[in-house]
């Protein structure tokens, strides 16, 4: 299995786990969006999955929000976590720079 495919699989697992945890948390009426929740609960998991140790909370929030916006307007039948993993894997490495800025 290629490195990119393994990375996407790991990112997808983190997305599924945090998505499930977020759904459970929302049942308790927590005022948080998925990006904030996932970034605060699983930053280290995303850093490891994406092999981006310098990925910050703010960077991850931005990436997840952009991916979520794309996911909500997509026309395909790809499962949410697979779509998100593909988007994040593709855009994270291109967008996270040493300065921590997302473009």
PDB file of N, CA and C in Angstrom:
ATOM      1  N   UNK A   1       0.850  -1.172   0.000  1.00  0.00           N
ATOM      2  CA  UNK A   1       0.000   0.000   0.000  1.00  0.00           C
ATOM      3  C   UNK A   1       0.896   1.236   0.000  1.00  0.00           C
ATOM      4  N   UNK A   2       0.593   2.193  -0.856  1.00  0.00           N
ATOM      5  CA  UNK A   2       1.431   3.379  -0.970  1.00  0.00           C
ATOM      6  C   UNK A   2       1.316   4.253   0.279  1.00  0.00           C
ATOM      7  N   UNK A   3       2.315   5.083   0.466  1.00  0.00           N
ATOM      8  CA  UNK A   3       2.338   5.980   1.615  1.00  0.00           C
ATOM      9  C   UNK A   3       1.125   6.906   1.616  1.00  0.00           C
ATOM     10  N   UNK A   4       0.764   7.451   0.438  1.00  0.00           N
ATOM     11  CA  UNK A   4      -0.402   8.340   0.361  1.00  0.00           C
ATOM     12  C   UNK A   4      -1.673   7.604   0.747  1.00  0.00           C
ATOM     13  N   UNK A   5      -1.819   6.371   0.289  1.00  0.00           N
ATOM     14  CA  UNK A   5      -3.022   5.599   0.589  1.00  0.00           C
ATOM     15  C   UNK A   5      -3.100   5.281   2.078  1.00  0.00           C
ATOM     16  N   UNK A   6      -1.970   4.929   2.685  1.00  0.00           N
ATOM     17  CA  UNK A   6      -1.925   4.650   4.117  1.00  0.00           C
ATOM     18  C   UNK A   6      -2.295   5.911   4.889  1.00  0.00           C
ATOM     19  N   UNK A   7      -1.742   7.052   4.493  1.00  0.00           N
ATOM     20  CA  UNK A   7      -2.022   8.317   5.159  1.00  0.00           C
ATOM     21  C   UNK A   7      -3.515   8.641   5.089  1.00  0.00           C
ATOM     22  N   UNK A   8      -4.110   8.488   3.909  1.00  0.00           N
ATOM     23  CA  UNK A   8      -5.542   8.761   3.755  1.00  0.00           C
ATOM     24  C   UNK A   8      -6.375   7.827   4.624  1.00  0.00           C
ATOM     25  N   UNK A   9      -5.959   6.566   4.725  1.00  0.00           N
ATOM     26  CA  UNK A   9      -6.681   5.603   5.554  1.00  0.00           C
ATOM     27  C   UNK A   9      -6.628   6.002   7.019  1.00  0.00           C
ATOM     28  N   UNK A  10      -5.468   6.440   7.477  1.00  0.00           N
ATOM     29  CA  UNK A  10      -5.316   6.857   8.870  1.00  0.00           C
ATOM     30  C   UNK A  10      -6.115   8.127   9.133  1.00  0.00           C
ATOM     31  N   UNK A  11      -6.049   9.088   8.214  1.00  0.00           N
ATOM     32  CA  UNK A  11      -6.812  10.332   8.369  1.00  0.00           C
ATOM     33  C   UNK A  11      -8.304  10.010   8.400  1.00  0.00           C
ATOM     34  N   UNK A  12      -8.741   9.103   7.536  1.00  0.00           N
ATOM     35  CA  UNK A  12     -10.160   8.729   7.503  1.00  0.00           C
ATOM     36  C   UNK A  12     -10.584   8.135   8.849  1.00  0.00           C
ATOM     37  N   UNK A  13      -9.759   7.295   9.444  1.00  0.00           N
ATOM     38  CA  UNK A  13     -10.067   6.695  10.746  1.00  0.00           C
ATOM     39  C   UNK A  13     -10.187   7.773  11.818  1.00  0.00           C
ATOM     40  N   UNK A  14      -9.274   8.728  11.829  1.00  0.00           N
ATOM     41  CA  UNK A  14      -9.342   9.824  12.801  1.00  0.00           C
ATOM     42  C   UNK A  14     -10.630  10.626  12.587  1.00  0.00           C
ATOM     43  N   UNK A  15     -10.973  10.893  11.326  1.00  0.00           N
ATOM     44  CA  UNK A  15     -12.208  11.619  11.026  1.00  0.00           C
ATOM     45  C   UNK A  15     -13.436  10.854  11.515  1.00  0.00           C
ATOM     46  N   UNK A  16     -13.468   9.563  11.254  1.00  0.00           N
ATOM     47  CA  UNK A  16     -14.606   8.759  11.693  1.00  0.00           C
ATOM     48  C   UNK A  16     -14.715   8.744  13.215  1.00  0.00           C
ATOM     49  N   UNK A  17     -13.588   8.580  13.896  1.00  0.00           N
ATOM     50  CA  UNK A  17     -13.598   8.552  15.358  1.00  0.00           C
ATOM     51  C   UNK A  17     -14.040   9.884  15.941  1.00  0.00           C
ATOM     52  N   UNK A  18     -13.473  10.975  15.431  1.00  0.00           N
ATOM     53  CA  UNK A  18     -13.860  12.283  15.970  1.00  0.00           C
ATOM     54  C   UNK A  18     -15.273  12.657  15.550  1.00  0.00           C
ATOM     55  N   UNK A  19     -15.694  12.227  14.361  1.00  0.00           N
ATOM     56  CA  UNK A  19     -17.072  12.479  13.924  1.00  0.00           C
ATOM     57  C   UNK A  19     -18.074  11.803  14.831  1.00  0.00           C
ATOM     58  N   UNK A  20     -17.787  10.569  15.199  1.00  0.00           N
ATOM     59  CA  UNK A  20     -18.658   9.829  16.110  1.00  0.00           C
ATOM     60  C   UNK A  20     -18.673  10.504  17.485  1.00  0.00           C
ATOM     61  N   UNK A  21     -17.497  10.853  17.996  1.00  0.00           N
ATOM     62  CA  UNK A  21     -17.417  11.520  19.303  1.00  0.00           C
ATOM     63  C   UNK A  21     -18.150  12.863  19.272  1.00  0.00           C
ATOM     64  N   UNK A  22     -18.018  13.586  18.169  1.00  0.00           N
ATOM     65  CA  UNK A  22     -18.702  14.874  18.026  1.00  0.00           C
ATOM     66  C   UNK A  22     -20.218  14.680  18.036  1.00  0.00           C
ATOM     67  N   UNK A  23     -20.700  13.664  17.346  1.00  0.00           N
ATOM     68  CA  UNK A  23     -22.134  13.377  17.325  1.00  0.00           C
ATOM     69  C   UNK A  23     -22.636  13.087  18.733  1.00  0.00           C
ATOM     70  N   UNK A  24     -21.893  12.285  19.471  1.00  0.00           N
ATOM     71  CA  UNK A  24     -22.278  11.992  20.857  1.00  0.00           C
ATOM     72  C   UNK A  24     -22.255  13.249  21.717  1.00  0.00           C
ATOM     73  N   UNK A  25     -21.266  14.092  21.512  1.00  0.00           N
ATOM     74  CA  UNK A  25     -21.147  15.318  22.286  1.00  0.00           C
ATOM     75  C   UNK A  25     -22.279  16.279  21.953  1.00  0.00           C
ATOM     76  N   UNK A  26     -22.666  16.354  20.691  1.00  0.00           N
ATOM     77  CA  UNK A  26     -23.738  17.255  20.281  1.00  0.00           C
ATOM     78  C   UNK A  26     -25.063  16.877  20.915  1.00  0.00           C
ATOM     79  N   UNK A  27     -25.230  15.599  21.211  1.00  0.00           N
ATOM     80  CA  UNK A  27     -26.443  15.173  21.887  1.00  0.00           C
ATOM     81  C   UNK A  27     -26.546  15.816  23.268  1.00  0.00           C
ATOM     82  N   UNK A  28     -25.405  16.263  23.783  1.00  0.00           N
ATOM     83  CA  UNK A  28     -25.374  16.959  25.073  1.00  0.00           C
ATOM     84  C   UNK A  28     -25.484  18.465  24.889  1.00  0.00           C
ATOM     85  N   UNK A  29     -25.715  18.912  23.664  1.00  0.00           N
ATOM     86  CA  UNK A  29     -25.917  20.327  23.322  1.00  0.00           C
ATOM     87  C   UNK A  29     -24.685  21.191  23.565  1.00  0.00           C
ATOM     88  N   UNK A  30     -23.525  20.678  23.195  1.00  0.00           N
ATOM     89  CA  UNK A  30     -22.294  21.453  23.305  1.00  0.00           C
ATOM     90  C   UNK A  30     -22.259  22.463  22.162  1.00  0.00           C
ATOM     91  N   UNK A  31     -21.857  23.691  22.449  1.00  0.00           N
ATOM     92  CA  UNK A  31     -21.790  24.738  21.438  1.00  0.00           C
ATOM     93  C   UNK A  31     -20.403  24.733  20.798  1.00  0.00           C
ATOM     94  N   UNK A  32     -20.236  23.886  19.785  1.00  0.00           N
ATOM     95  CA  UNK A  32     -18.959  23.747  19.102  1.00  0.00           C
ATOM     96  C   UNK A  32     -19.219  23.195  17.715  1.00  0.00           C
ATOM     97  N   UNK A  33     -18.433  23.631  16.738  1.00  0.00           N
ATOM     98  CA  UNK A  33     -18.548  23.001  15.421  1.00  0.00           C
ATOM     99  C   UNK A  33     -17.551  21.848  15.356  1.00  0.00           C
ATOM    100  N   UNK A  34     -17.685  21.035  14.310  1.00  0.00           N
ATOM    101  CA  UNK A  34     -16.837  19.854  14.193  1.00  0.00           C
ATOM    102  C   UNK A  34     -15.357  20.237  14.143  1.00  0.00           C
ATOM    103  N   UNK A  35     -15.022  21.277  13.395  1.00  0.00           N
ATOM    104  CA  UNK A  35     -13.614  21.675  13.258  1.00  0.00           C
ATOM    105  C   UNK A  35     -13.001  22.008  14.611  1.00  0.00           C
ATOM    106  N   UNK A  36     -13.722  22.765  15.415  1.00  0.00           N
ATOM    107  CA  UNK A  36     -13.229  23.126  16.747  1.00  0.00           C
ATOM    108  C   UNK A  36     -13.110  21.885  17.622  1.00  0.00           C
ATOM    109  N   UNK A  37     -14.143  21.050  17.592  1.00  0.00           N
ATOM    110  CA  UNK A  37     -14.146  19.840  18.408  1.00  0.00           C
ATOM    111  C   UNK A  37     -12.984  18.928  18.032  1.00  0.00           C
ATOM    112  N   UNK A  38     -12.854  18.612  16.746  1.00  0.00           N
ATOM    113  CA  UNK A  38     -11.809  17.694  16.297  1.00  0.00           C
ATOM    114  C   UNK A  38     -10.416  18.259  16.552  1.00  0.00           C
ATOM    115  N   UNK A  39     -10.264  19.561  16.348  1.00  0.00           N
ATOM    116  CA  UNK A  39      -8.951  20.189  16.557  1.00  0.00           C
ATOM    117  C   UNK A  39      -8.549  20.178  18.026  1.00  0.00           C
ATOM    118  N   UNK A  40      -9.510  20.346  18.904  1.00  0.00           N
ATOM    119  CA  UNK A  40      -9.173  20.360  20.329  1.00  0.00           C
ATOM    120  C   UNK A  40      -9.057  18.951  20.909  1.00  0.00           C
ATOM    121  N   UNK A  41      -9.796  17.997  20.355  1.00  0.00           N
ATOM    122  CA  UNK A  41      -9.794  16.644  20.898  1.00  0.00           C
ATOM    123  C   UNK A  41      -8.769  15.716  20.255  1.00  0.00           C
ATOM    124  N   UNK A  42      -8.393  15.991  19.002  1.00  0.00           N
ATOM    125  CA  UNK A  42      -7.554  15.026  18.285  1.00  0.00           C
ATOM    126  C   UNK A  42      -6.429  15.667  17.483  1.00  0.00           C
ATOM    127  N   UNK A  43      -5.936  16.813  17.927  1.00  0.00           N
ATOM    128  CA  UNK A  43      -4.861  17.492  17.197  1.00  0.00           C
ATOM    129  C   UNK A  43      -3.666  16.571  17.004  1.00  0.00           C
ATOM    130  N   UNK A  44      -3.242  15.904  18.071  1.00  0.00           N
ATOM    131  CA  UNK A  44      -2.071  15.024  17.951  1.00  0.00           C
ATOM    132  C   UNK A  44      -2.337  13.855  17.000  1.00  0.00           C
ATOM    133  N   UNK A  45      -3.552  13.350  16.970  1.00  0.00           N
ATOM    134  CA  UNK A  45      -3.882  12.264  16.035  1.00  0.00           C
ATOM    135  C   UNK A  45      -3.803  12.745  14.597  1.00  0.00           C
ATOM    136  N   UNK A  46      -4.307  13.966  14.332  1.00  0.00           N
ATOM    137  CA  UNK A  46      -4.203  14.525  12.985  1.00  0.00           C
ATOM    138  C   UNK A  46      -2.750  14.827  12.633  1.00  0.00           C
ATOM    139  N   UNK A  47      -1.972  15.350  13.584  1.00  0.00           N
ATOM    140  CA  UNK A  47      -0.554  15.609  13.327  1.00  0.00           C
ATOM    141  C   UNK A  47       0.157  14.322  12.926  1.00  0.00           C
ATOM    142  N   UNK A  48      -0.115  13.242  13.646  1.00  0.00           N
ATOM    143  CA  UNK A  48       0.511  11.952  13.336  1.00  0.00           C
ATOM    144  C   UNK A  48       0.010  11.394  12.013  1.00  0.00           C
ATOM    145  N   UNK A  49      -1.299  11.428  11.807  1.00  0.00           N
ATOM    146  CA  UNK A  49      -1.873  10.866  10.585  1.00  0.00           C
ATOM    147  C   UNK A  49      -1.392  11.605   9.343  1.00  0.00           C
ATOM    148  N   UNK A  50      -1.279  12.914   9.445  1.00  0.00           N
ATOM    149  CA  UNK A  50      -0.860  13.737   8.307  1.00  0.00           C
ATOM    150  C   UNK A  50       0.655  13.892   8.228  1.00  0.00           C
ATOM    151  N   UNK A  51       1.348  13.397   9.234  1.00  0.00           N
ATOM    152  CA  UNK A  51       2.809  13.557   9.329  1.00  0.00           C
ATOM    153  C   UNK A  51       3.201  15.022   9.251  1.00  0.00           C
ATOM    154  N   UNK A  52       2.454  15.813  10.003  1.00  0.00           N
ATOM    155  CA  UNK A  52       2.671  17.262  10.091  1.00  0.00           C
ATOM    156  C   UNK A  52       2.790  17.644  11.563  1.00  0.00           C
ATOM    157  N   UNK A  53       3.955  17.419  12.193  1.00  0.00           N
ATOM    158  CA  UNK A  53       4.091  17.706  13.621  1.00  0.00           C
ATOM    159  C   UNK A  53       3.916  19.186  13.972  1.00  0.00           C
ATOM    160  N   UNK A  54       4.069  20.076  12.995  1.00  0.00           N
ATOM    161  CA  UNK A  54       3.917  21.509  13.252  1.00  0.00           C
ATOM    162  C   UNK A  54       2.501  22.016  13.002  1.00  0.00           C
ATOM    163  N   UNK A  55       1.589  21.113  12.668  1.00  0.00           N
ATOM    164  CA  UNK A  55       0.200  21.493  12.445  1.00  0.00           C
ATOM    165  C   UNK A  55      -0.377  22.055  13.740  1.00  0.00           C
ATOM    166  N   UNK A  56      -0.934  23.250  13.677  1.00  0.00           N
ATOM    167  CA  UNK A  56      -1.476  23.891  14.873  1.00  0.00           C
ATOM    168  C   UNK A  56      -2.993  23.709  14.942  1.00  0.00           C
ATOM    169  N   UNK A  57      -3.528  24.012  16.097  1.00  0.00           N
ATOM    170  CA  UNK A  57      -4.977  23.987  16.301  1.00  0.00           C
ATOM    171  C   UNK A  57      -5.666  24.871  15.265  1.00  0.00           C
ATOM    172  N   UNK A  58      -5.184  26.096  15.090  1.00  0.00           N
ATOM    173  CA  UNK A  58      -5.789  27.026  14.130  1.00  0.00           C
ATOM    174  C   UNK A  58      -5.699  26.511  12.695  1.00  0.00           C
ATOM    175  N   UNK A  59      -4.542  25.966  12.323  1.00  0.00           N
ATOM    176  CA  UNK A  59      -4.367  25.411  10.976  1.00  0.00           C
ATOM    177  C   UNK A  59      -5.363  24.279  10.735  1.00  0.00           C
ATOM    178  N   UNK A  60      -5.468  23.372  11.707  1.00  0.00           N
ATOM    179  CA  UNK A  60      -6.372  22.243  11.550  1.00  0.00           C
ATOM    180  C   UNK A  60      -7.822  22.707  11.465  1.00  0.00           C
ATOM    181  N   UNK A  61      -8.203  23.669  12.284  1.00  0.00           N
ATOM    182  CA  UNK A  61      -9.570  24.215  12.207  1.00  0.00           C
ATOM    183  C   UNK A  61      -9.861  24.756  10.809  1.00  0.00           C
ATOM    184  N   UNK A  62      -8.922  25.510  10.266  1.00  0.00           N
ATOM    185  CA  UNK A  62      -9.112  26.086   8.927  1.00  0.00           C
ATOM    186  C   UNK A  62      -9.250  24.996   7.869  1.00  0.00           C
ATOM    187  N   UNK A  63      -8.384  23.997   7.933  1.00  0.00           N
ATOM    188  CA  UNK A  63      -8.429  22.905   6.962  1.00  0.00           C
ATOM    189  C   UNK A  63      -9.751  22.148   7.076  1.00  0.00           C
ATOM    190  N   UNK A  64     -10.152  21.827   8.298  1.00  0.00           N
ATOM    191  CA  UNK A  64     -11.398  21.083   8.494  1.00  0.00           C
ATOM    192  C   UNK A  64     -12.619  21.889   8.065  1.00  0.00           C
ATOM    193  N   UNK A  65     -12.611  23.184   8.311  1.00  0.00           N
ATOM    194  CA  UNK A  65     -13.746  24.021   7.888  1.00  0.00           C
ATOM    195  C   UNK A  65     -13.824  24.112   6.367  1.00  0.00           C
ATOM    196  N   UNK A  66     -12.677  24.270   5.715  1.00  0.00           N
ATOM    197  CA  UNK A  66     -12.677  24.301   4.244  1.00  0.00           C
ATOM    198  C   UNK A  66     -13.162  22.972   3.687  1.00  0.00           C
ATOM    199  N   UNK A  67     -12.675  21.881   4.257  1.00  0.00           N
ATOM    200  CA  UNK A  67     -13.090  20.552   3.796  1.00  0.00           C
ATOM    201  C   UNK A  67     -14.581  20.336   4.039  1.00  0.00           C
ATOM    202  N   UNK A  68     -15.073  20.764   5.190  1.00  0.00           N
ATOM    203  CA  UNK A  68     -16.500  20.621   5.504  1.00  0.00           C
ATOM    204  C   UNK A  68     -17.362  21.426   4.544  1.00  0.00           C
ATOM    205  N   UNK A  69     -16.907  22.624   4.199  1.00  0.00           N
ATOM    206  CA  UNK A  69     -17.649  23.438   3.234  1.00  0.00           C
ATOM    207  C   UNK A  69     -17.711  22.746   1.884  1.00  0.00           C
ATOM    208  N   UNK A  70     -16.598  22.171   1.463  1.00  0.00           N
ATOM    209  CA  UNK A  70     -16.576  21.433   0.195  1.00  0.00           C
ATOM    210  C   UNK A  70     -17.472  20.200   0.275  1.00  0.00           C
ATOM    211  N   UNK A  71     -17.414  19.503   1.409  1.00  0.00           N
ATOM    212  CA  UNK A  71     -18.212  18.282   1.569  1.00  0.00           C
ATOM    213  C   UNK A  71     -19.705  18.578   1.505  1.00  0.00           C
ATOM    214  N   UNK A  72     -20.108  19.713   2.054  1.00  0.00           N
ATOM    215  CA  UNK A  72     -21.539  20.034   2.073  1.00  0.00           C
ATOM    216  C   UNK A  72     -22.076  20.385   0.692  1.00  0.00           C
ATOM    217  N   UNK A  73     -21.210  20.790  -0.223  1.00  0.00           N
ATOM    218  CA  UNK A  73     -21.669  21.166  -1.558  1.00  0.00           C
ATOM    219  C   UNK A  73     -21.296  20.139  -2.631  1.00  0.00           C
ATOM    220  N   UNK A  74     -20.778  18.994  -2.222  1.00  0.00           N
ATOM    221  CA  UNK A  74     -20.341  17.991  -3.195  1.00  0.00           C
ATOM    222  C   UNK A  74     -21.533  17.277  -3.821  1.00  0.00           C
ATOM    223  N   UNK A  75     -21.310  16.767  -4.995  1.00  0.00           N
ATOM    224  CA  UNK A  75     -22.345  16.067  -5.744  1.00  0.00           C
ATOM    225  C   UNK A  75     -22.149  14.551  -5.742  1.00  0.00           C
ATOM    226  N   UNK A  76     -21.025  14.086  -5.258  1.00  0.00           N
ATOM    227  CA  UNK A  76     -20.701  12.665  -5.325  1.00  0.00           C
ATOM    228  C   UNK A  76     -21.310  11.891  -4.152  1.00  0.00           C
ATOM    229  N   UNK A  77     -21.273  10.591  -4.267  1.00  0.00           N
ATOM    230  CA  UNK A  77     -21.835   9.711  -3.242  1.00  0.00           C
ATOM    231  C   UNK A  77     -20.750   9.124  -2.345  1.00  0.00           C
ATOM    232  N   UNK A  78     -19.552   9.667  -2.442  1.00  0.00           N
ATOM    233  CA  UNK A  78     -18.439   9.200  -1.613  1.00  0.00           C
ATOM    234  C   UNK A  78     -18.780   9.394  -0.138  1.00  0.00           C
ATOM    235  N   UNK A  79     -18.504   8.402   0.719  1.00  0.00           N
ATOM    236  CA  UNK A  79     -18.749   8.591   2.155  1.00  0.00           C
ATOM    237  C   UNK A  79     -18.017   9.829   2.681  1.00  0.00           C
ATOM    238  N   UNK A  80     -18.641  10.502   3.616  1.00  0.00           N
ATOM    239  CA  UNK A  80     -18.117  11.751   4.178  1.00  0.00           C
ATOM    240  C   UNK A  80     -16.664  11.615   4.614  1.00  0.00           C
ATOM    241  N   UNK A  81     -16.353  10.591   5.400  1.00  0.00           N
ATOM    242  CA  UNK A  81     -14.986  10.467   5.921  1.00  0.00           C
ATOM    243  C   UNK A  81     -13.973  10.235   4.805  1.00  0.00           C
ATOM    244  N   UNK A  82     -14.354   9.509   3.769  1.00  0.00           N
ATOM    245  CA  UNK A  82     -13.439   9.277   2.649  1.00  0.00           C
ATOM    246  C   UNK A  82     -13.216  10.579   1.872  1.00  0.00           C
ATOM    247  N   UNK A  83     -14.284  11.317   1.617  1.00  0.00           N
ATOM    248  CA  UNK A  83     -14.165  12.600   0.932  1.00  0.00           C
ATOM    249  C   UNK A  83     -13.275  13.548   1.736  1.00  0.00           C
ATOM    250  N   UNK A  84     -13.542  13.641   3.031  1.00  0.00           N
ATOM    251  CA  UNK A  84     -12.773  14.537   3.896  1.00  0.00           C
ATOM    252  C   UNK A  84     -11.305  14.119   3.944  1.00  0.00           C
ATOM    253  N   UNK A  85     -11.032  12.826   4.078  1.00  0.00           N
ATOM    254  CA  UNK A  85      -9.646  12.339   4.140  1.00  0.00           C
ATOM    255  C   UNK A  85      -8.904  12.671   2.857  1.00  0.00           C
ATOM    256  N   UNK A  86      -9.553  12.480   1.721  1.00  0.00           N
ATOM    257  CA  UNK A  86      -8.922  12.815   0.439  1.00  0.00           C
ATOM    258  C   UNK A  86      -8.637  14.306   0.355  1.00  0.00           C
ATOM    259  N   UNK A  87      -9.605  15.125   0.714  1.00  0.00           N
ATOM    260  CA  UNK A  87      -9.438  16.579   0.649  1.00  0.00           C
ATOM    261  C   UNK A  87      -8.329  17.037   1.598  1.00  0.00           C
ATOM    262  N   UNK A  88      -8.388  16.589   2.831  1.00  0.00           N
ATOM    263  CA  UNK A  88      -7.415  17.024   3.841  1.00  0.00           C
ATOM    264  C   UNK A  88      -6.008  16.560   3.492  1.00  0.00           C
ATOM    265  N   UNK A  89      -5.875  15.305   3.085  1.00  0.00           N
ATOM    266  CA  UNK A  89      -4.544  14.792   2.717  1.00  0.00           C
ATOM    267  C   UNK A  89      -3.961  15.572   1.555  1.00  0.00           C
ATOM    268  N   UNK A  90      -4.796  15.897   0.592  1.00  0.00           N
ATOM    269  CA  UNK A  90      -4.332  16.635  -0.584  1.00  0.00           C
ATOM    270  C   UNK A  90      -3.961  18.071  -0.242  1.00  0.00           C
ATOM    271  N   UNK A  91      -4.777  18.724   0.561  1.00  0.00           N
ATOM    272  CA  UNK A  91      -4.582  20.149   0.816  1.00  0.00           C
ATOM    273  C   UNK A  91      -3.708  20.471   2.022  1.00  0.00           C
ATOM    274  N   UNK A  92      -3.602  19.588   2.968  1.00  0.00           N
ATOM    275  CA  UNK A  92      -2.813  19.878   4.163  1.00  0.00           C
ATOM    276  C   UNK A  92      -1.348  20.052   3.827  1.00  0.00           C
ATOM    277  N   UNK A  93      -0.775  19.113   3.127  1.00  0.00           N
ATOM    278  CA  UNK A  93       0.650  19.179   2.814  1.00  0.00           C
ATOM    279  C   UNK A  93       0.982  20.343   1.898  1.00  0.00           C
ATOM    280  N   UNK A  94       0.033  20.792   1.104  1.00  0.00           N
ATOM    281  CA  UNK A  94       0.255  21.931   0.223  1.00  0.00           C
ATOM    282  C   UNK A  94       0.071  23.255   0.940  1.00  0.00           C
ATOM    283  N   UNK A  95      -0.669  23.253   2.043  1.00  0.00           N
ATOM    284  CA  UNK A  95      -1.063  24.513   2.666  1.00  0.00           C
ATOM    285  C   UNK A  95      -0.398  24.833   3.990  1.00  0.00           C
ATOM    286  N   UNK A  96       0.089  23.847   4.703  1.00  0.00           N
ATOM    287  CA  UNK A  96       0.737  24.113   5.986  1.00  0.00           C
ATOM    288  C   UNK A  96       2.201  24.431   5.719  1.00  0.00           C
ATOM    289  N   UNK A  97       2.596  25.621   6.064  1.00  0.00           N
ATOM    290  CA  UNK A  97       3.975  26.048   5.841  1.00  0.00           C
ATOM    291  C   UNK A  97       4.659  26.235   7.194  1.00  0.00           C
ATOM    292  N   UNK A  98       5.951  26.391   7.166  1.00  0.00           N
ATOM    293  CA  UNK A  98       6.725  26.545   8.390  1.00  0.00           C
ATOM    294  C   UNK A  98       6.192  27.674   9.258  1.00  0.00           C
ATOM    295  N   UNK A  99       5.621  28.685   8.652  1.00  0.00           N
ATOM    296  CA  UNK A  99       5.097  29.816   9.412  1.00  0.00           C
ATOM    297  C   UNK A  99       3.771  29.491  10.061  1.00  0.00           C
ATOM    298  N   UNK A 100       3.174  28.344   9.688  1.00  0.00           N
ATOM    299  CA  UNK A 100       1.883  27.976  10.258  1.00  0.00           C
ATOM    300  C   UNK A 100       0.715  28.633   9.575  1.00  0.00           C
ATOM    301  N   UNK A 101       0.928  29.183   8.400  1.00  0.00           N
ATOM    302  CA  UNK A 101      -0.152  29.875   7.679  1.00  0.00           C
ATOM    303  C   UNK A 101      -0.800  28.946   6.671  1.00  0.00           C
ATOM    304  N   UNK A 102      -2.113  29.070   6.524  1.00  0.00           N
ATOM    305  CA  UNK A 102      -2.867  28.322   5.528  1.00  0.00           C
ATOM    306  C   UNK A 102      -3.249  29.291   4.425  1.00  0.00           C
ATOM    307  N   UNK A 103      -3.053  28.887   3.201  1.00  0.00           N
ATOM    308  CA  UNK A 103      -3.418  29.744   2.059  1.00  0.00           C
ATOM    309  C   UNK A 103      -4.627  29.185   1.371  1.00  0.00           C
TER     310      UNK A 103
END
